[in-house]
Amino acid sequence: MVEIAQQACRAAGRDPRVSVDAGAHMFPCTSFWQAERPGDLLISNGLATMGFALPAGIAAALHDPNRGALAFTGDGGLLMALGELATAAVLGVKLTVVVFNDATLSLIDIKTGGRDLPGGALGWPEADFAAAMRALGGIGLRATDAAGYRAALAEALAADGPALVDVRVDPGSYPAQIKALRG
């Protein structure tokens, strides 16, 4: 997903700063995004802050309006900072938000390591973040496969203001990805 985003940015002639918050998506995002200059990839100190990517992306877009920003967030992190979508829309920042939507706190679920814990605490009904973005004044798009993701990214990156791509992902792939990246 990250490589597709970087290819889409190049194809659109965009060079955004990238922000990433904590979650299972953080490992592939920080491992595969090819930052070329200092400050190209923004992550929270200590790699443990959900909800960081959206406000950091807004700040990056305000700091350098010509570059704009690309925020990679999980659905849990976006739920924590959902009101910031209204801020992005009101300010009209050049920001593309990619939310990895799996309706669960995947990284925390992985970290439970098969312990016998009560079920249901880490998941919720799947949210329609694209509809939320549209309701708040931005462009909201959904993707359920790689082709849809590419098309939605192209449309989002062409926008002058904030756009969100709500990407439905299968959380089953995260444990193997994290094991491969962490060793």
Protein backbone atom coordinates (compact mmCIF):
# COMPACT_ATOMS: atom_id res chain seq x y z
CA MET A 1 0.00 0.00 0.00
CA VAL A 2 2.85 2.39 0.82
CA GLU A 3 4.69 1.74 -2.43
CA ILE A 4 1.45 2.40 -4.35
CA ALA A 5 1.08 5.73 -2.52
CA GLN A 6 4.64 6.78 -3.33
CA GLN A 7 4.16 5.85 -6.99
CA ALA A 8 0.87 7.79 -7.07
CA CYS A 9 2.58 10.86 -5.58
CA ARG A 10 5.27 10.74 -8.25
CA ALA A 11 2.70 10.26 -11.02
CA ALA A 12 0.73 13.26 -9.71
CA GLY A 13 3.87 15.40 -9.48
CA ARG A 14 3.41 15.66 -5.71
CA ASP A 15 6.17 15.65 -3.08
CA PRO A 16 4.24 15.70 0.21
CA ARG A 17 5.61 15.47 3.69
CA VAL A 18 4.34 12.21 5.21
CA SER A 19 3.00 11.68 8.72
CA VAL A 20 2.36 8.31 10.33
CA ASP A 21 0.79 7.43 13.65
CA ALA A 22 1.05 4.28 15.75
CA GLY A 23 -0.68 1.09 14.76
CA ALA A 24 -0.01 -2.03 12.73
CA HIS A 25 0.24 0.14 9.58
CA MET A 26 3.17 2.08 11.09
CA PHE A 27 5.74 -0.65 10.41
CA PRO A 28 5.25 -0.94 6.65
CA CYS A 29 4.76 2.84 6.31
CA THR A 30 8.01 3.72 8.04
CA SER A 31 9.91 0.85 6.44
CA PHE A 32 8.84 1.37 2.84
CA TRP A 33 8.29 5.12 2.42
CA GLN A 34 11.42 6.46 0.73
CA ALA A 35 12.16 9.73 2.53
CA GLU A 36 14.70 11.82 0.64
CA ARG A 37 15.24 14.78 2.98
CA PRO A 38 15.15 15.41 6.72
CA GLY A 39 11.59 16.06 7.84
CA ASP A 40 10.03 14.14 4.94
CA LEU A 41 8.59 11.46 7.28
CA LEU A 42 7.00 12.60 10.53
CA ILE A 43 6.36 10.08 13.32
CA SER A 44 5.69 10.56 16.99
CA ASN A 45 8.56 10.31 19.46
CA GLY A 46 8.71 6.82 20.89
CA LEU A 47 6.58 5.38 18.05
CA ALA A 48 3.54 5.06 20.25
CA THR A 49 1.02 7.82 19.57
CA MET A 50 -2.28 6.93 17.97
CA GLY A 51 -4.00 9.93 16.40
CA PHE A 52 -0.72 11.70 15.56
CA ALA A 53 -0.80 11.50 11.75
CA LEU A 54 -3.78 13.74 11.03
CA PRO A 55 -2.84 16.79 13.13
CA ALA A 56 0.81 16.38 12.10
CA GLY A 57 -0.26 16.25 8.45
CA ILE A 58 -2.33 19.42 8.87
CA ALA A 59 0.66 21.17 10.45
CA ALA A 60 2.98 19.98 7.67
CA ALA A 61 0.54 21.21 5.00
CA LEU A 62 0.27 24.60 6.72
CA HIS A 63 4.07 24.80 7.05
CA ASP A 64 4.67 24.16 3.36
CA PRO A 65 1.45 24.63 1.35
CA ASN A 66 3.17 23.90 -1.97
CA ARG A 67 4.26 20.43 -0.85
CA GLY A 68 1.16 19.60 1.16
CA ALA A 69 1.06 16.42 3.20
CA LEU A 70 0.07 12.77 3.16
CA ALA A 71 -1.12 11.26 6.46
CA PHE A 72 -1.16 7.49 7.01
CA THR A 73 -3.43 6.58 9.92
CA GLY A 74 -5.27 3.60 11.28
CA ASP A 75 -8.97 3.61 11.97
CA GLY A 76 -8.36 3.69 15.73
CA GLY A 77 -6.05 6.69 15.40
CA LEU A 78 -8.49 8.48 13.13
CA LEU A 79 -11.34 7.89 15.56
CA MET A 80 -9.21 9.62 18.22
CA ALA A 81 -8.65 12.68 15.99
CA LEU A 82 -11.81 12.67 13.89
CA GLY A 83 -12.62 16.32 14.60
CA GLU A 84 -9.37 17.32 12.90
CA LEU A 85 -10.96 16.41 9.55
CA ALA A 86 -13.17 19.48 10.07
CA THR A 87 -10.07 21.55 10.82
CA ALA A 88 -8.45 20.37 7.57
CA ALA A 89 -11.60 21.20 5.61
CA VAL A 90 -12.04 24.65 7.17
CA LEU A 91 -8.38 25.51 6.54
CA GLY A 92 -8.48 24.04 3.02
CA VAL A 93 -5.07 22.42 3.43
CA LYS A 94 -3.53 20.32 0.69
CA LEU A 95 -3.71 17.07 2.63
CA THR A 96 -4.40 13.50 1.61
CA VAL A 97 -5.37 11.18 4.46
CA VAL A 98 -5.08 7.43 3.94
CA VAL A 99 -6.90 5.52 6.67
CA PHE A 100 -6.30 1.78 6.96
CA ASN A 101 -9.73 0.57 8.04
CA ASP A 102 -9.91 -2.88 9.59
CA ALA A 103 -12.43 -2.15 12.39
CA THR A 104 -10.04 -3.20 15.14
CA LEU A 105 -6.98 -2.16 17.10
CA SER A 106 -4.81 -4.63 15.21
CA LEU A 107 -1.45 -3.90 16.80
CA ILE A 108 -2.86 -4.20 20.31
CA ASP A 109 -4.63 -7.39 19.25
CA ILE A 110 -1.32 -8.79 17.98
CA LYS A 111 0.45 -7.76 21.19
CA THR A 112 -2.04 -9.70 23.32
CA GLY A 113 -0.21 -12.73 21.96
CA GLY A 114 -3.05 -15.19 22.25
CA ARG A 115 -3.67 -14.47 25.92
CA ASP A 116 -7.09 -15.43 27.17
CA LEU A 117 -8.63 -11.95 27.34
CA PRO A 118 -12.29 -10.98 27.06
CA GLY A 119 -13.35 -10.58 23.45
CA GLY A 120 -14.89 -7.55 21.83
CA ALA A 121 -12.79 -4.84 23.46
CA LEU A 122 -10.55 -4.20 20.47
CA GLY A 123 -13.06 -3.98 17.64
CA TRP A 124 -16.06 -1.90 16.56
CA PRO A 125 -18.47 -1.73 13.63
CA GLU A 126 -16.69 -0.65 10.45
CA ALA A 127 -16.85 3.13 10.14
CA ASP A 128 -17.37 4.92 6.82
CA PHE A 129 -14.62 7.52 7.10
CA ALA A 130 -15.13 8.65 3.49
CA ALA A 131 -18.69 9.68 4.33
CA ALA A 132 -17.47 11.48 7.46
CA MET A 133 -14.94 13.45 5.39
CA ARG A 134 -17.58 14.43 2.87
CA ALA A 135 -19.92 15.50 5.69
CA LEU A 136 -17.17 17.75 7.06
CA GLY A 137 -16.49 19.46 3.73
CA GLY A 138 -13.65 17.46 2.19
CA ILE A 139 -13.37 14.80 -0.49
CA GLY A 140 -14.04 11.28 0.80
CA LEU A 141 -13.22 8.15 -1.23
CA ARG A 142 -13.33 4.42 -0.45
CA ALA A 143 -11.17 1.59 -1.74
CA THR A 144 -11.52 -2.16 -1.23
CA ASP A 145 -8.79 -3.42 -3.56
CA ALA A 146 -5.48 -2.30 -5.07
CA ALA A 147 -7.05 -0.94 -8.27
CA GLY A 148 -9.60 1.06 -6.30
CA TYR A 149 -6.84 2.33 -4.01
CA ARG A 150 -4.76 3.53 -6.98
CA ALA A 151 -7.75 5.31 -8.53
CA ALA A 152 -8.80 6.91 -5.22
CA LEU A 153 -5.24 8.07 -4.51
CA ALA A 154 -4.96 9.65 -7.96
CA GLU A 155 -8.19 11.58 -7.36
CA ALA A 156 -7.20 12.58 -3.81
CA LEU A 157 -3.73 13.74 -4.82
CA ALA A 158 -5.21 15.87 -7.64
CA ALA A 159 -7.39 17.78 -5.15
CA ASP A 160 -6.44 21.28 -4.04
CA GLY A 161 -7.86 20.74 -0.56
CA PRO A 162 -8.21 17.89 1.90
CA ALA A 163 -9.14 14.43 0.68
CA LEU A 164 -9.43 11.13 2.52
CA VAL A 165 -9.03 7.61 1.13
CA ASP A 166 -10.77 5.03 3.34
CA VAL A 167 -8.97 1.76 2.54
CA ARG A 168 -10.59 -1.46 3.72
CA VAL A 169 -7.82 -3.82 4.82
CA ASP A 170 -7.71 -7.37 6.15
CA PRO A 171 -6.04 -7.38 9.58
CA GLY A 172 -4.99 -10.99 9.05
CA SER A 173 -1.92 -9.90 7.07
CA TYR A 174 -0.43 -7.75 9.83
CA PRO A 175 1.20 -10.42 12.06
CA ALA A 176 3.30 -11.81 9.20
CA GLN A 177 4.25 -8.30 8.02
CA ILE A 178 5.35 -7.26 11.50
CA LYS A 179 7.31 -10.47 12.01
CA ALA A 180 9.07 -10.01 8.67
CA LEU A 181 9.93 -6.37 9.41
CA ARG A 182 10.95 -6.84 13.05
CA GLY A 183 12.57 -10.24 12.69
